[in-house]
């Protein structure tokens, strides 16, 4: 599976390298909105089998669930909200590809 991560850029500044963020630094959409400093948030978690024609729409206000939560009891933290983007704002978008609980890879999308 992979995480789709978004980071709202402050005043059009260049983003910090996405590989500098540890997984525990990724927050929810709500936490990112409340923060005074931009924080990368998990917009969605997607299993490779769920990708429909390689199409993903960032900011579509949908919820996705963590595929690993199916192995254990689900909690509200197992869901990710792909909240709307702010008009006129710039974002850095990247993916974290998770192969196992201990191994992840980073794919950066430049927009």
N, C-alpha and C. Protein backbone atom coordinates (compact mmCIF):
# COMPACT_ATOMS: atom_id res chain seq x y z
N UNK A 1 0.84 -1.18 0.00
CA UNK A 1 0.00 0.00 0.00
C UNK A 1 0.88 1.24 0.00
N UNK A 2 0.26 2.40 -0.22
CA UNK A 2 1.03 3.63 -0.17
C UNK A 2 0.22 4.76 0.45
N UNK A 3 0.94 5.70 1.04
CA UNK A 3 0.34 6.91 1.59
C UNK A 3 0.47 8.02 0.56
N UNK A 4 -0.58 8.79 0.38
CA UNK A 4 -0.51 10.03 -0.39
C UNK A 4 -0.41 11.14 0.64
N UNK A 5 0.68 11.89 0.58
CA UNK A 5 0.96 12.90 1.59
C UNK A 5 0.97 14.29 0.93
N UNK A 6 0.35 15.25 1.59
CA UNK A 6 0.31 16.62 1.08
C UNK A 6 0.89 17.57 2.12
N UNK A 7 1.53 18.60 1.63
CA UNK A 7 2.10 19.63 2.50
C UNK A 7 1.78 20.98 1.89
N UNK A 8 0.98 21.78 2.58
CA UNK A 8 0.67 23.12 2.10
C UNK A 8 1.91 23.98 2.26
N UNK A 9 2.31 24.65 1.18
CA UNK A 9 3.51 25.48 1.22
C UNK A 9 3.17 26.85 1.77
N UNK A 10 4.02 27.33 2.63
CA UNK A 10 3.81 28.62 3.27
C UNK A 10 4.34 29.73 2.38
N UNK A 11 3.46 30.64 1.99
CA UNK A 11 3.84 31.82 1.19
C UNK A 11 4.65 31.46 -0.05
N UNK A 12 4.33 30.35 -0.70
CA UNK A 12 4.99 29.95 -1.94
C UNK A 12 6.43 29.53 -1.78
N UNK A 13 6.88 29.28 -0.55
CA UNK A 13 8.27 28.87 -0.33
C UNK A 13 8.51 27.46 -0.87
N UNK A 14 9.75 27.19 -1.18
CA UNK A 14 10.13 25.86 -1.63
C UNK A 14 9.95 24.87 -0.49
N UNK A 15 9.47 23.67 -0.81
CA UNK A 15 9.25 22.68 0.26
C UNK A 15 10.56 22.11 0.78
N UNK A 16 10.53 21.69 2.03
CA UNK A 16 11.63 20.92 2.59
C UNK A 16 11.64 19.58 1.88
N UNK A 17 12.78 18.99 1.74
CA UNK A 17 12.87 17.68 1.08
C UNK A 17 11.93 16.70 1.77
N UNK A 18 11.09 16.04 1.00
CA UNK A 18 10.08 15.14 1.57
C UNK A 18 10.69 13.94 2.29
N UNK A 19 11.90 13.57 1.94
CA UNK A 19 12.52 12.44 2.64
C UNK A 19 13.05 12.83 4.02
N UNK A 20 12.96 14.13 4.35
CA UNK A 20 13.39 14.56 5.68
C UNK A 20 12.30 14.33 6.74
N UNK A 21 11.09 13.97 6.31
CA UNK A 21 10.00 13.71 7.25
C UNK A 21 9.94 12.24 7.61
N UNK A 22 9.96 11.97 8.91
CA UNK A 22 9.78 10.60 9.39
C UNK A 22 8.29 10.27 9.37
N UNK A 23 7.96 8.98 9.31
CA UNK A 23 6.55 8.58 9.29
C UNK A 23 5.78 9.12 10.49
N UNK A 24 6.43 9.21 11.65
CA UNK A 24 5.73 9.70 12.85
C UNK A 24 5.49 11.21 12.81
N UNK A 25 6.04 11.91 11.81
CA UNK A 25 5.81 13.35 11.66
C UNK A 25 4.62 13.65 10.74
N UNK A 26 4.07 12.62 10.11
CA UNK A 26 2.92 12.81 9.23
C UNK A 26 1.67 12.87 10.09
N UNK A 27 0.85 13.89 9.87
CA UNK A 27 -0.33 14.12 10.71
C UNK A 27 -1.61 13.93 9.90
N UNK A 28 -2.74 14.12 10.55
CA UNK A 28 -4.03 14.06 9.85
C UNK A 28 -4.32 15.42 9.21
N UNK A 29 -5.30 15.43 8.33
CA UNK A 29 -5.74 16.67 7.68
C UNK A 29 -6.15 17.70 8.75
N UNK A 30 -6.92 17.27 9.74
CA UNK A 30 -7.39 18.17 10.80
C UNK A 30 -6.22 18.76 11.58
N UNK A 31 -5.23 17.94 11.90
CA UNK A 31 -4.06 18.44 12.64
C UNK A 31 -3.27 19.43 11.81
N UNK A 32 -3.14 19.17 10.52
CA UNK A 32 -2.41 20.08 9.63
C UNK A 32 -3.12 21.43 9.53
N UNK A 33 -4.45 21.40 9.47
CA UNK A 33 -5.23 22.64 9.37
C UNK A 33 -5.12 23.48 10.65
N UNK A 34 -5.03 22.83 11.81
CA UNK A 34 -4.94 23.54 13.09
C UNK A 34 -3.56 24.13 13.34
N UNK A 35 -2.55 23.54 12.74
CA UNK A 35 -1.17 23.94 13.01
C UNK A 35 -0.84 25.31 12.42
N UNK A 36 -0.06 26.10 13.16
CA UNK A 36 0.37 27.40 12.64
C UNK A 36 1.54 27.24 11.67
N UNK A 37 2.28 26.16 11.78
CA UNK A 37 3.36 25.85 10.84
C UNK A 37 2.91 24.70 9.95
N UNK A 38 3.22 24.77 8.65
CA UNK A 38 2.79 23.70 7.74
C UNK A 38 3.35 22.34 8.18
N UNK A 39 2.47 21.34 8.17
CA UNK A 39 2.87 19.97 8.49
C UNK A 39 2.37 19.05 7.39
N UNK A 40 3.16 18.05 7.03
CA UNK A 40 2.69 17.10 6.01
C UNK A 40 1.60 16.22 6.59
N UNK A 41 0.51 16.05 5.82
CA UNK A 41 -0.59 15.23 6.31
C UNK A 41 -0.88 14.09 5.34
N UNK A 42 -1.35 12.99 5.89
CA UNK A 42 -1.71 11.83 5.08
C UNK A 42 -3.11 12.10 4.53
N UNK A 43 -3.19 12.31 3.22
CA UNK A 43 -4.48 12.56 2.57
C UNK A 43 -5.21 11.26 2.30
N UNK A 44 -4.46 10.20 2.08
CA UNK A 44 -5.09 8.90 1.79
C UNK A 44 -4.08 7.79 1.96
N UNK A 45 -4.60 6.62 2.21
CA UNK A 45 -3.79 5.41 2.19
C UNK A 45 -4.49 4.47 1.22
N UNK A 46 -3.74 3.98 0.25
CA UNK A 46 -4.34 3.23 -0.85
C UNK A 46 -3.58 1.93 -1.06
N UNK A 47 -4.33 0.84 -1.15
CA UNK A 47 -3.73 -0.44 -1.53
C UNK A 47 -3.56 -0.42 -3.05
N UNK A 48 -2.50 -1.01 -3.54
CA UNK A 48 -2.26 -0.98 -4.99
C UNK A 48 -3.43 -1.58 -5.77
N UNK A 49 -4.14 -2.52 -5.17
CA UNK A 49 -5.28 -3.14 -5.85
C UNK A 49 -6.48 -2.21 -5.93
N UNK A 50 -6.48 -1.11 -5.16
CA UNK A 50 -7.60 -0.18 -5.14
C UNK A 50 -7.45 0.98 -6.11
N UNK A 51 -6.30 1.10 -6.77
CA UNK A 51 -6.07 2.21 -7.68
C UNK A 51 -6.89 1.97 -8.94
N UNK A 52 -7.78 2.91 -9.23
CA UNK A 52 -8.70 2.78 -10.36
C UNK A 52 -8.14 3.52 -11.56
N UNK A 53 -7.55 2.79 -12.51
CA UNK A 53 -7.03 3.42 -13.71
C UNK A 53 -5.94 4.45 -13.44
N UNK A 54 -5.17 4.23 -12.39
CA UNK A 54 -4.08 5.14 -12.02
C UNK A 54 -4.56 6.56 -11.74
N UNK A 55 -5.83 6.72 -11.32
CA UNK A 55 -6.40 8.03 -11.05
C UNK A 55 -6.60 8.22 -9.55
N UNK A 56 -6.10 9.34 -9.05
CA UNK A 56 -6.33 9.72 -7.66
C UNK A 56 -6.57 11.22 -7.64
N UNK A 57 -7.60 11.65 -6.96
CA UNK A 57 -7.93 13.07 -6.90
C UNK A 57 -7.63 13.58 -5.49
N UNK A 58 -6.65 14.44 -5.38
CA UNK A 58 -6.30 15.02 -4.09
C UNK A 58 -7.32 16.08 -3.73
N UNK A 59 -7.81 16.04 -2.49
CA UNK A 59 -8.75 17.04 -2.00
C UNK A 59 -10.20 16.73 -2.32
N UNK A 60 -10.54 15.46 -2.57
CA UNK A 60 -11.92 15.11 -2.96
C UNK A 60 -12.86 14.88 -1.78
N UNK A 61 -12.39 15.14 -0.57
CA UNK A 61 -13.20 15.03 0.66
C UNK A 61 -13.67 13.61 0.96
N UNK A 62 -12.94 12.63 0.51
CA UNK A 62 -13.28 11.24 0.82
C UNK A 62 -12.41 10.73 1.95
N UNK A 63 -12.87 9.65 2.57
CA UNK A 63 -12.11 8.96 3.61
C UNK A 63 -11.55 7.67 3.04
N UNK A 64 -10.36 7.32 3.46
CA UNK A 64 -9.81 6.00 3.13
C UNK A 64 -9.40 5.34 4.43
N UNK A 65 -9.34 4.03 4.41
CA UNK A 65 -8.94 3.31 5.62
C UNK A 65 -7.59 2.66 5.42
N UNK A 66 -6.89 2.49 6.50
CA UNK A 66 -5.58 1.86 6.50
C UNK A 66 -5.75 0.37 6.23
N UNK A 67 -5.13 -0.16 5.17
CA UNK A 67 -5.29 -1.58 4.87
C UNK A 67 -4.79 -2.50 5.97
N UNK A 68 -3.88 -2.03 6.81
CA UNK A 68 -3.39 -2.88 7.90
C UNK A 68 -4.40 -2.99 9.02
N UNK A 69 -5.40 -2.10 9.06
CA UNK A 69 -6.40 -2.16 10.13
C UNK A 69 -7.32 -3.37 9.99
N UNK A 70 -7.35 -3.99 8.83
CA UNK A 70 -8.17 -5.18 8.63
C UNK A 70 -7.63 -6.37 9.42
N UNK A 71 -6.36 -6.28 9.78
CA UNK A 71 -5.72 -7.36 10.54
C UNK A 71 -5.95 -7.23 12.04
N UNK A 72 -6.44 -6.08 12.45
CA UNK A 72 -6.68 -5.84 13.88
C UNK A 72 -7.96 -5.03 14.02
N UNK A 73 -8.34 -4.75 15.22
CA UNK A 73 -9.56 -3.99 15.46
C UNK A 73 -9.40 -2.54 14.97
N UNK A 74 -10.36 -2.04 14.20
CA UNK A 74 -10.28 -0.69 13.65
C UNK A 74 -10.56 0.37 14.71
N UNK A 75 -9.88 1.50 14.56
CA UNK A 75 -10.14 2.66 15.41
C UNK A 75 -10.30 3.86 14.49
N UNK A 76 -10.72 4.98 15.04
CA UNK A 76 -10.91 6.18 14.21
C UNK A 76 -9.60 6.65 13.60
N UNK A 77 -8.46 6.31 14.21
CA UNK A 77 -7.17 6.71 13.65
C UNK A 77 -6.77 5.87 12.45
N UNK A 78 -7.56 4.85 12.11
CA UNK A 78 -7.27 4.02 10.95
C UNK A 78 -7.86 4.61 9.67
N UNK A 79 -8.50 5.79 9.79
CA UNK A 79 -9.12 6.43 8.64
C UNK A 79 -8.43 7.75 8.34
N UNK A 80 -8.31 8.08 7.05
CA UNK A 80 -7.65 9.31 6.64
C UNK A 80 -8.61 10.12 5.79
N UNK A 81 -8.70 11.41 6.08
CA UNK A 81 -9.59 12.32 5.37
C UNK A 81 -8.80 13.08 4.32
N UNK A 82 -9.24 12.98 3.07
CA UNK A 82 -8.62 13.66 1.95
C UNK A 82 -9.34 15.00 1.78
N UNK A 83 -9.08 15.91 2.71
CA UNK A 83 -9.81 17.17 2.78
C UNK A 83 -9.54 18.09 1.61
N UNK A 84 -10.44 19.07 1.42
CA UNK A 84 -10.31 19.99 0.29
C UNK A 84 -9.04 20.84 0.39
N UNK A 85 -8.49 21.14 -0.76
CA UNK A 85 -7.32 22.01 -0.83
C UNK A 85 -7.80 23.46 -0.78
N UNK A 86 -6.94 24.34 -0.29
CA UNK A 86 -7.30 25.75 -0.21
C UNK A 86 -7.01 26.42 -1.55
N UNK A 87 -8.02 27.09 -2.13
CA UNK A 87 -7.81 27.79 -3.41
C UNK A 87 -6.69 28.81 -3.29
N UNK A 88 -5.87 28.90 -4.32
CA UNK A 88 -4.77 29.85 -4.35
C UNK A 88 -3.54 29.43 -3.58
N UNK A 89 -3.59 28.25 -2.95
CA UNK A 89 -2.44 27.75 -2.19
C UNK A 89 -1.64 26.77 -3.03
N UNK A 90 -0.36 26.65 -2.73
CA UNK A 90 0.51 25.67 -3.38
C UNK A 90 0.78 24.54 -2.41
N UNK A 91 0.95 23.34 -2.97
CA UNK A 91 1.18 22.15 -2.17
C UNK A 91 2.33 21.34 -2.74
N UNK A 92 3.03 20.65 -1.87
CA UNK A 92 3.99 19.63 -2.26
C UNK A 92 3.31 18.29 -1.98
N UNK A 93 3.34 17.40 -2.94
CA UNK A 93 2.67 16.11 -2.83
C UNK A 93 3.72 15.01 -2.98
N UNK A 94 3.64 14.01 -2.11
CA UNK A 94 4.53 12.86 -2.28
C UNK A 94 3.85 11.60 -1.80
N UNK A 95 4.43 10.47 -2.16
CA UNK A 95 3.91 9.16 -1.77
C UNK A 95 4.93 8.45 -0.89
N UNK A 96 4.44 7.71 0.07
CA UNK A 96 5.26 6.78 0.85
C UNK A 96 4.76 5.39 0.50
N UNK A 97 5.60 4.60 -0.06
CA UNK A 97 5.24 3.23 -0.42
C UNK A 97 5.70 2.31 0.70
N UNK A 98 4.78 1.55 1.26
CA UNK A 98 5.07 0.68 2.39
C UNK A 98 5.03 -0.77 1.92
N UNK A 99 6.16 -1.45 2.04
CA UNK A 99 6.24 -2.85 1.64
C UNK A 99 5.98 -3.78 2.81
N UNK A 100 6.33 -3.32 4.00
CA UNK A 100 6.07 -4.08 5.23
C UNK A 100 6.05 -3.08 6.37
N UNK A 101 5.84 -3.55 7.58
CA UNK A 101 5.82 -2.64 8.73
C UNK A 101 7.17 -1.96 8.96
N UNK A 102 8.24 -2.51 8.42
CA UNK A 102 9.57 -1.99 8.69
C UNK A 102 10.22 -1.32 7.49
N UNK A 103 9.66 -1.49 6.28
CA UNK A 103 10.30 -0.98 5.08
C UNK A 103 9.35 -0.04 4.35
N UNK A 104 9.83 1.17 4.04
CA UNK A 104 9.02 2.08 3.23
C UNK A 104 9.93 2.80 2.24
N UNK A 105 9.35 3.22 1.13
CA UNK A 105 10.08 3.94 0.09
C UNK A 105 9.34 5.24 -0.19
N UNK A 106 10.05 6.20 -0.73
CA UNK A 106 9.50 7.51 -0.98
C UNK A 106 9.47 7.77 -2.48
N UNK A 107 8.34 8.26 -2.97
CA UNK A 107 8.20 8.69 -4.35
C UNK A 107 7.75 10.14 -4.30
N UNK A 108 8.49 11.03 -4.95
CA UNK A 108 8.17 12.45 -4.92
C UNK A 108 7.51 12.84 -6.22
N UNK A 109 6.41 13.60 -6.12
CA UNK A 109 5.71 14.12 -7.29
C UNK A 109 5.95 15.61 -7.32
N UNK A 110 6.53 16.11 -8.38
CA UNK A 110 6.80 17.53 -8.50
C UNK A 110 5.69 18.18 -9.32
N UNK A 111 5.03 19.18 -8.73
CA UNK A 111 3.94 19.88 -9.43
C UNK A 111 4.33 21.30 -9.72
